[in-house]
N, C-alpha and C. Protein backbone atom coordinates (compact mmCIF):
# COMPACT_ATOMS: atom_id res chain seq x y z
N UNK A 1 -4.13 -4.13 15.00
CA UNK A 1 -3.52 -3.77 13.74
C UNK A 1 -4.19 -4.53 12.64
N UNK A 2 -4.60 -3.83 11.61
CA UNK A 2 -5.31 -4.46 10.46
C UNK A 2 -4.30 -5.11 9.50
N UNK A 3 -4.90 -5.50 8.41
CA UNK A 3 -4.14 -6.21 7.34
C UNK A 3 -3.54 -5.19 6.34
N UNK A 4 -2.41 -5.51 5.83
CA UNK A 4 -1.79 -4.71 4.76
C UNK A 4 -1.85 -5.49 3.50
N UNK A 5 -2.26 -4.82 2.42
CA UNK A 5 -2.24 -5.41 1.10
C UNK A 5 -0.98 -4.86 0.42
N UNK A 6 -0.08 -5.79 0.08
CA UNK A 6 1.16 -5.43 -0.59
C UNK A 6 1.00 -5.81 -2.09
N UNK A 7 1.13 -4.80 -2.94
CA UNK A 7 1.03 -4.99 -4.36
C UNK A 7 2.44 -4.84 -4.97
N UNK A 8 2.98 -5.99 -5.40
CA UNK A 8 4.36 -5.98 -5.87
C UNK A 8 4.58 -7.14 -6.90
N UNK A 9 5.03 -6.79 -8.05
CA UNK A 9 5.24 -7.84 -9.10
C UNK A 9 6.60 -8.47 -9.05
N UNK A 10 7.48 -8.05 -8.19
CA UNK A 10 8.81 -8.66 -8.04
C UNK A 10 8.77 -9.68 -6.86
N UNK A 11 8.81 -10.96 -7.13
CA UNK A 11 8.67 -11.95 -6.05
C UNK A 11 9.67 -11.86 -4.93
N UNK A 12 10.91 -11.60 -5.28
CA UNK A 12 11.99 -11.47 -4.27
C UNK A 12 11.75 -10.26 -3.40
N UNK A 13 11.54 -9.12 -4.00
CA UNK A 13 11.30 -7.89 -3.22
C UNK A 13 10.02 -7.99 -2.37
N UNK A 14 9.02 -8.59 -2.94
CA UNK A 14 7.75 -8.75 -2.22
C UNK A 14 7.93 -9.68 -1.03
N UNK A 15 8.71 -10.74 -1.18
CA UNK A 15 8.93 -11.64 -0.05
C UNK A 15 9.72 -10.93 1.03
N UNK A 16 10.69 -10.18 0.68
CA UNK A 16 11.47 -9.39 1.68
C UNK A 16 10.54 -8.36 2.41
N UNK A 17 9.79 -7.63 1.64
CA UNK A 17 8.92 -6.62 2.24
C UNK A 17 7.86 -7.31 3.13
N UNK A 18 7.31 -8.37 2.68
CA UNK A 18 6.30 -9.12 3.48
C UNK A 18 6.89 -9.59 4.82
N UNK A 19 8.11 -10.08 4.78
CA UNK A 19 8.79 -10.51 6.01
C UNK A 19 9.02 -9.38 6.96
N UNK A 20 9.43 -8.21 6.42
CA UNK A 20 9.61 -7.02 7.25
C UNK A 20 8.35 -6.63 7.91
N UNK A 21 7.28 -6.57 7.17
CA UNK A 21 5.99 -6.14 7.71
C UNK A 21 5.43 -7.14 8.74
N UNK A 22 5.61 -8.40 8.46
CA UNK A 22 5.13 -9.43 9.41
C UNK A 22 5.95 -9.44 10.71
N UNK A 23 7.25 -9.18 10.58
CA UNK A 23 8.05 -9.05 11.82
C UNK A 23 7.61 -7.83 12.66
N UNK A 24 7.07 -6.90 12.03
CA UNK A 24 6.54 -5.72 12.78
C UNK A 24 5.18 -5.99 13.40
N UNK A 25 4.60 -7.16 13.08
CA UNK A 25 3.36 -7.53 13.70
C UNK A 25 2.14 -7.40 12.80
N UNK A 26 2.36 -7.02 11.56
CA UNK A 26 1.25 -6.81 10.61
C UNK A 26 0.84 -8.10 9.93
N UNK A 27 -0.42 -8.24 9.64
CA UNK A 27 -0.91 -9.29 8.76
C UNK A 27 -0.77 -8.77 7.33
N UNK A 28 -0.23 -9.58 6.43
CA UNK A 28 0.03 -9.14 5.11
C UNK A 28 -0.52 -10.08 4.04
N UNK A 29 -1.27 -9.48 3.12
CA UNK A 29 -1.72 -10.19 1.92
C UNK A 29 -0.97 -9.64 0.74
N UNK A 30 -0.64 -10.47 -0.25
CA UNK A 30 0.14 -9.92 -1.37
C UNK A 30 -0.59 -10.23 -2.68
N UNK A 31 -0.60 -9.25 -3.59
CA UNK A 31 -1.02 -9.46 -4.94
C UNK A 31 0.13 -9.06 -5.81
N UNK A 32 0.16 -9.61 -7.04
CA UNK A 32 1.33 -9.35 -7.89
C UNK A 32 1.15 -8.15 -8.80
N UNK A 33 -0.10 -7.68 -8.96
CA UNK A 33 -0.25 -6.52 -9.89
C UNK A 33 -1.56 -5.76 -9.51
N UNK A 34 -1.77 -4.65 -10.21
CA UNK A 34 -2.94 -3.82 -9.93
C UNK A 34 -4.25 -4.55 -10.17
N UNK A 35 -4.33 -5.29 -11.26
CA UNK A 35 -5.56 -5.98 -11.59
C UNK A 35 -5.91 -6.98 -10.44
N UNK A 36 -4.93 -7.72 -10.03
CA UNK A 36 -5.20 -8.71 -8.92
C UNK A 36 -5.57 -7.99 -7.66
N UNK A 37 -4.97 -6.82 -7.39
CA UNK A 37 -5.30 -6.06 -6.16
C UNK A 37 -6.72 -5.55 -6.26
N UNK A 38 -7.19 -5.10 -7.39
CA UNK A 38 -8.55 -4.59 -7.58
C UNK A 38 -9.53 -5.73 -7.40
N UNK A 39 -9.19 -6.93 -7.83
CA UNK A 39 -10.05 -8.11 -7.62
C UNK A 39 -10.08 -8.46 -6.11
N UNK A 40 -8.93 -8.34 -5.45
CA UNK A 40 -8.84 -8.67 -4.04
C UNK A 40 -9.74 -7.78 -3.20
N UNK A 41 -9.78 -6.51 -3.47
CA UNK A 41 -10.56 -5.60 -2.67
C UNK A 41 -12.10 -5.67 -2.95
N UNK A 42 -12.47 -6.47 -3.95
CA UNK A 42 -13.86 -6.72 -4.19
C UNK A 42 -14.52 -7.72 -3.27
N UNK A 43 -13.67 -8.48 -2.51
CA UNK A 43 -14.18 -9.50 -1.64
C UNK A 43 -14.27 -8.96 -0.19
N UNK A 44 -15.48 -8.65 0.24
CA UNK A 44 -15.65 -8.02 1.57
C UNK A 44 -14.96 -8.70 2.70
N UNK A 45 -14.97 -10.05 2.73
CA UNK A 45 -14.28 -10.73 3.87
C UNK A 45 -12.76 -10.47 3.90
N UNK A 46 -12.19 -10.11 2.77
CA UNK A 46 -10.76 -9.87 2.74
C UNK A 46 -10.43 -8.39 3.07
N UNK A 47 -11.40 -7.53 2.94
CA UNK A 47 -11.13 -6.12 3.12
C UNK A 47 -11.65 -5.52 4.42
N UNK A 48 -12.41 -6.31 5.23
CA UNK A 48 -12.97 -5.83 6.45
C UNK A 48 -11.94 -5.27 7.39
N UNK A 49 -10.72 -5.86 7.46
CA UNK A 49 -9.67 -5.43 8.36
C UNK A 49 -8.53 -4.75 7.63
N UNK A 50 -8.76 -4.39 6.38
CA UNK A 50 -7.68 -3.80 5.61
C UNK A 50 -7.36 -2.41 6.07
N UNK A 51 -6.11 -2.14 6.50
CA UNK A 51 -5.74 -0.83 7.00
C UNK A 51 -4.87 -0.05 6.07
N UNK A 52 -4.14 -0.75 5.24
CA UNK A 52 -3.15 -0.07 4.35
C UNK A 52 -2.90 -0.88 3.11
N UNK A 53 -2.76 -0.11 1.99
CA UNK A 53 -2.38 -0.76 0.73
C UNK A 53 -1.02 -0.12 0.29
N UNK A 54 -0.04 -1.05 0.07
CA UNK A 54 1.29 -0.56 -0.29
C UNK A 54 1.50 -0.90 -1.81
N UNK A 55 1.86 0.02 -2.60
CA UNK A 55 2.12 -0.23 -4.02
C UNK A 55 3.33 0.58 -4.50
N UNK A 56 3.78 0.21 -5.60
CA UNK A 56 4.85 1.01 -6.22
C UNK A 56 4.28 2.08 -7.13
N UNK A 57 5.09 3.05 -7.48
CA UNK A 57 4.68 4.11 -8.37
C UNK A 57 4.46 3.56 -9.76
N UNK A 58 5.26 2.64 -10.17
CA UNK A 58 5.05 2.01 -11.48
C UNK A 58 4.43 0.60 -11.23
N UNK A 59 3.35 0.41 -11.97
CA UNK A 59 2.61 -0.87 -11.93
C UNK A 59 2.39 -1.41 -13.33
N UNK A 60 2.30 -2.69 -13.43
CA UNK A 60 2.07 -3.30 -14.75
C UNK A 60 0.68 -3.05 -15.24
N UNK A 61 0.55 -2.59 -16.49
CA UNK A 61 -0.77 -2.47 -17.11
C UNK A 61 -1.50 -1.17 -16.80
N UNK A 62 -1.17 -0.48 -15.79
CA UNK A 62 -1.84 0.77 -15.40
C UNK A 62 -0.85 1.64 -14.67
N UNK A 63 -0.91 2.95 -14.82
CA UNK A 63 0.00 3.80 -14.09
C UNK A 63 -0.30 3.83 -12.65
N UNK A 64 0.70 4.13 -11.84
CA UNK A 64 0.49 4.23 -10.39
C UNK A 64 -0.61 5.17 -9.96
N UNK A 65 -0.58 6.41 -10.50
CA UNK A 65 -1.68 7.34 -10.19
C UNK A 65 -3.05 6.82 -10.59
N UNK A 66 -3.17 6.20 -11.75
CA UNK A 66 -4.47 5.66 -12.16
C UNK A 66 -4.93 4.54 -11.22
N UNK A 67 -4.00 3.68 -10.85
CA UNK A 67 -4.29 2.59 -9.93
C UNK A 67 -4.77 3.11 -8.56
N UNK A 68 -4.03 4.10 -8.04
CA UNK A 68 -4.35 4.65 -6.72
C UNK A 68 -5.69 5.38 -6.82
N UNK A 69 -5.97 6.08 -7.88
CA UNK A 69 -7.25 6.77 -8.04
C UNK A 69 -8.38 5.72 -8.00
N UNK A 70 -8.20 4.64 -8.66
CA UNK A 70 -9.18 3.60 -8.68
C UNK A 70 -9.39 2.99 -7.29
N UNK A 71 -8.31 2.74 -6.58
CA UNK A 71 -8.40 2.26 -5.22
C UNK A 71 -9.16 3.23 -4.32
N UNK A 72 -8.91 4.50 -4.47
CA UNK A 72 -9.59 5.50 -3.63
C UNK A 72 -11.07 5.52 -3.91
N UNK A 73 -11.48 5.35 -5.21
CA UNK A 73 -12.88 5.34 -5.58
C UNK A 73 -13.60 4.12 -4.91
N UNK A 74 -12.89 2.99 -4.89
CA UNK A 74 -13.52 1.78 -4.32
C UNK A 74 -13.35 1.70 -2.82
N UNK A 75 -12.26 2.20 -2.25
CA UNK A 75 -12.04 2.13 -0.83
C UNK A 75 -11.54 3.50 -0.34
N UNK A 76 -12.34 4.48 -0.21
CA UNK A 76 -11.94 5.84 0.12
C UNK A 76 -11.29 6.01 1.49
N UNK A 77 -11.51 5.10 2.41
CA UNK A 77 -10.98 5.31 3.76
C UNK A 77 -9.69 4.50 4.05
N UNK A 78 -9.22 3.66 3.13
CA UNK A 78 -8.04 2.89 3.36
C UNK A 78 -6.80 3.66 2.97
N UNK A 79 -5.83 3.72 3.83
CA UNK A 79 -4.59 4.48 3.53
C UNK A 79 -3.81 3.76 2.45
N UNK A 80 -3.11 4.56 1.63
CA UNK A 80 -2.30 4.03 0.55
C UNK A 80 -0.88 4.59 0.69
N UNK A 81 0.11 3.67 0.60
CA UNK A 81 1.52 4.07 0.61
C UNK A 81 2.11 3.77 -0.77
N UNK A 82 2.62 4.76 -1.43
CA UNK A 82 3.24 4.60 -2.77
C UNK A 82 4.76 4.66 -2.59
N UNK A 83 5.42 3.57 -2.90
CA UNK A 83 6.87 3.52 -2.87
C UNK A 83 7.47 3.81 -4.21
N UNK A 84 8.49 4.64 -4.27
CA UNK A 84 9.12 5.02 -5.53
C UNK A 84 10.56 5.24 -5.31
N UNK A 85 11.40 4.78 -6.18
CA UNK A 85 12.86 5.02 -6.12
C UNK A 85 13.25 6.36 -6.75
N UNK A 86 12.29 7.05 -7.35
CA UNK A 86 12.54 8.37 -7.91
C UNK A 86 11.75 9.39 -7.09
N UNK A 87 12.31 10.57 -7.04
CA UNK A 87 11.65 11.62 -6.26
C UNK A 87 10.65 12.38 -7.06
N UNK A 88 9.97 13.27 -6.40
CA UNK A 88 9.01 14.16 -7.04
C UNK A 88 7.86 13.50 -7.79
N UNK A 89 7.34 12.40 -7.24
CA UNK A 89 6.17 11.76 -7.86
C UNK A 89 4.89 12.28 -7.22
N UNK A 90 5.00 13.03 -6.11
CA UNK A 90 3.83 13.48 -5.36
C UNK A 90 2.87 14.25 -6.24
N UNK A 91 3.38 15.05 -7.17
CA UNK A 91 2.52 15.90 -8.02
C UNK A 91 1.60 15.08 -8.89
N UNK A 92 1.99 13.86 -9.19
CA UNK A 92 1.16 13.01 -10.03
C UNK A 92 -0.06 12.45 -9.26
N UNK A 93 -0.03 12.61 -7.97
CA UNK A 93 -1.14 12.09 -7.08
C UNK A 93 -1.94 13.25 -6.49
N UNK A 94 -1.75 14.47 -6.99
CA UNK A 94 -2.50 15.57 -6.51
C UNK A 94 -3.99 15.32 -6.70
N UNK A 95 -4.74 15.69 -5.68
CA UNK A 95 -6.21 15.51 -5.71
C UNK A 95 -6.66 14.13 -5.28
N UNK A 96 -5.76 13.26 -5.00
CA UNK A 96 -6.07 11.92 -4.49
C UNK A 96 -5.77 11.92 -3.02
N UNK A 97 -6.78 11.79 -2.17
CA UNK A 97 -6.63 11.89 -0.73
C UNK A 97 -6.10 10.54 -0.16
N UNK A 98 -5.55 10.64 1.05
CA UNK A 98 -5.12 9.44 1.78
C UNK A 98 -3.93 8.79 1.23
N UNK A 99 -3.04 9.44 0.48
CA UNK A 99 -1.90 8.83 -0.15
C UNK A 99 -0.62 9.34 0.52
N UNK A 100 0.26 8.45 0.94
CA UNK A 100 1.59 8.81 1.48
C UNK A 100 2.62 8.31 0.43
N UNK A 101 3.65 9.11 0.21
CA UNK A 101 4.73 8.76 -0.70
C UNK A 101 6.01 8.53 0.10
N UNK A 102 6.81 7.59 -0.34
CA UNK A 102 8.08 7.32 0.30
C UNK A 102 9.05 6.73 -0.66
N UNK A 103 10.33 6.99 -0.40
CA UNK A 103 11.41 6.35 -1.18
C UNK A 103 12.02 5.24 -0.34
N UNK A 104 11.40 4.86 0.75
CA UNK A 104 11.91 3.84 1.65
C UNK A 104 12.03 2.52 0.85
N UNK A 105 13.25 1.97 0.85
CA UNK A 105 13.45 0.70 0.18
C UNK A 105 14.10 -0.33 1.08
N UNK A 106 14.93 0.15 2.00
CA UNK A 106 15.62 -0.80 2.85
C UNK A 106 14.69 -1.20 4.00
N UNK A 107 14.98 -2.38 4.63
CA UNK A 107 14.21 -2.81 5.77
C UNK A 107 14.16 -1.78 6.90
N UNK A 108 15.29 -1.09 7.08
CA UNK A 108 15.38 -0.10 8.18
C UNK A 108 14.51 1.11 7.91
N UNK A 109 14.18 1.34 6.60
CA UNK A 109 13.39 2.52 6.27
C UNK A 109 11.87 2.16 6.13
N UNK A 110 11.55 0.98 5.67
CA UNK A 110 10.22 0.63 5.37
C UNK A 110 9.30 0.53 6.60
N UNK A 111 9.70 -0.23 7.57
CA UNK A 111 8.79 -0.47 8.76
C UNK A 111 8.49 0.87 9.48
N UNK A 112 9.41 1.78 9.74
CA UNK A 112 9.02 3.02 10.38
C UNK A 112 7.98 3.83 9.69
N UNK A 113 8.07 3.84 8.35
CA UNK A 113 7.06 4.61 7.54
C UNK A 113 5.71 3.93 7.66
N UNK A 114 5.67 2.59 7.51
CA UNK A 114 4.43 1.84 7.62
C UNK A 114 3.85 1.99 9.02
N UNK A 115 4.67 1.81 10.02
CA UNK A 115 4.22 1.86 11.39
C UNK A 115 3.55 3.24 11.67
N UNK A 116 4.15 4.31 11.21
CA UNK A 116 3.60 5.67 11.39
C UNK A 116 2.25 5.76 10.75
N UNK A 117 2.07 5.23 9.56
CA UNK A 117 0.80 5.28 8.87
C UNK A 117 -0.25 4.48 9.65
N UNK A 118 0.16 3.28 10.08
CA UNK A 118 -0.79 2.43 10.85
C UNK A 118 -1.23 3.09 12.15
N UNK A 119 -0.30 3.77 12.82
CA UNK A 119 -0.67 4.45 14.07
C UNK A 119 -1.64 5.59 13.74
N UNK A 120 -1.44 6.28 12.66
CA UNK A 120 -2.33 7.38 12.28
C UNK A 120 -3.74 6.80 11.93
N UNK A 121 -3.79 5.65 11.26
CA UNK A 121 -5.06 5.00 10.89
C UNK A 121 -5.75 4.59 12.16
N UNK A 122 -5.07 3.99 13.13
CA UNK A 122 -5.71 3.59 14.37
C UNK A 122 -6.27 4.74 15.13
N UNK A 123 -5.57 5.90 15.16
CA UNK A 123 -6.13 7.08 15.83
C UNK A 123 -7.41 7.59 15.17
N UNK A 124 -7.41 7.55 13.87
CA UNK A 124 -8.54 8.04 13.13
C UNK A 124 -9.79 7.15 13.33
N UNK A 125 -9.58 5.88 13.47
CA UNK A 125 -10.70 4.93 13.63
C UNK A 125 -11.16 4.78 15.09
N UNK A 126 -10.40 5.35 16.01
CA UNK A 126 -10.73 5.23 17.40
C UNK A 126 -11.82 6.25 17.83
C-alpha cells in the first residue's frame, strides 16, 4: 500500500482523518492547503510511493477543480479523492480523469471509500 497525501486545512478534522487512514494500514502525509500540496508533489522522494491524494472540494486560495486539474497535470497517474459535504460537484470535475467524489465524512464511511480506491490502484499497477 502506498502513501496517501491528505490535503486539509482543518487541523482537528485532518487529525481524525489521518488516524482513520493509518488504522487502515496506510501511510499518510498531510498538507494544510493546495499550495503546500503542490510543493509536496514536486519532491520525487516524497511522491515515489504516492497512491492517492485526498482533498476537499473547497480549498483555500484555489478552487477544488482548479487544484485537481493542476494535480492531474503534474501527476496524471495518481488517484484523487474529492470529499464534499454538498452533492452534485461531479460536473465541476468533468474532463479531469482519475477523480473519485464522495460525501463520506464519518470514520465508518471514509475508510471503505479509500480502501476501494487503493485496491483499484493496486490492480492497475500490477
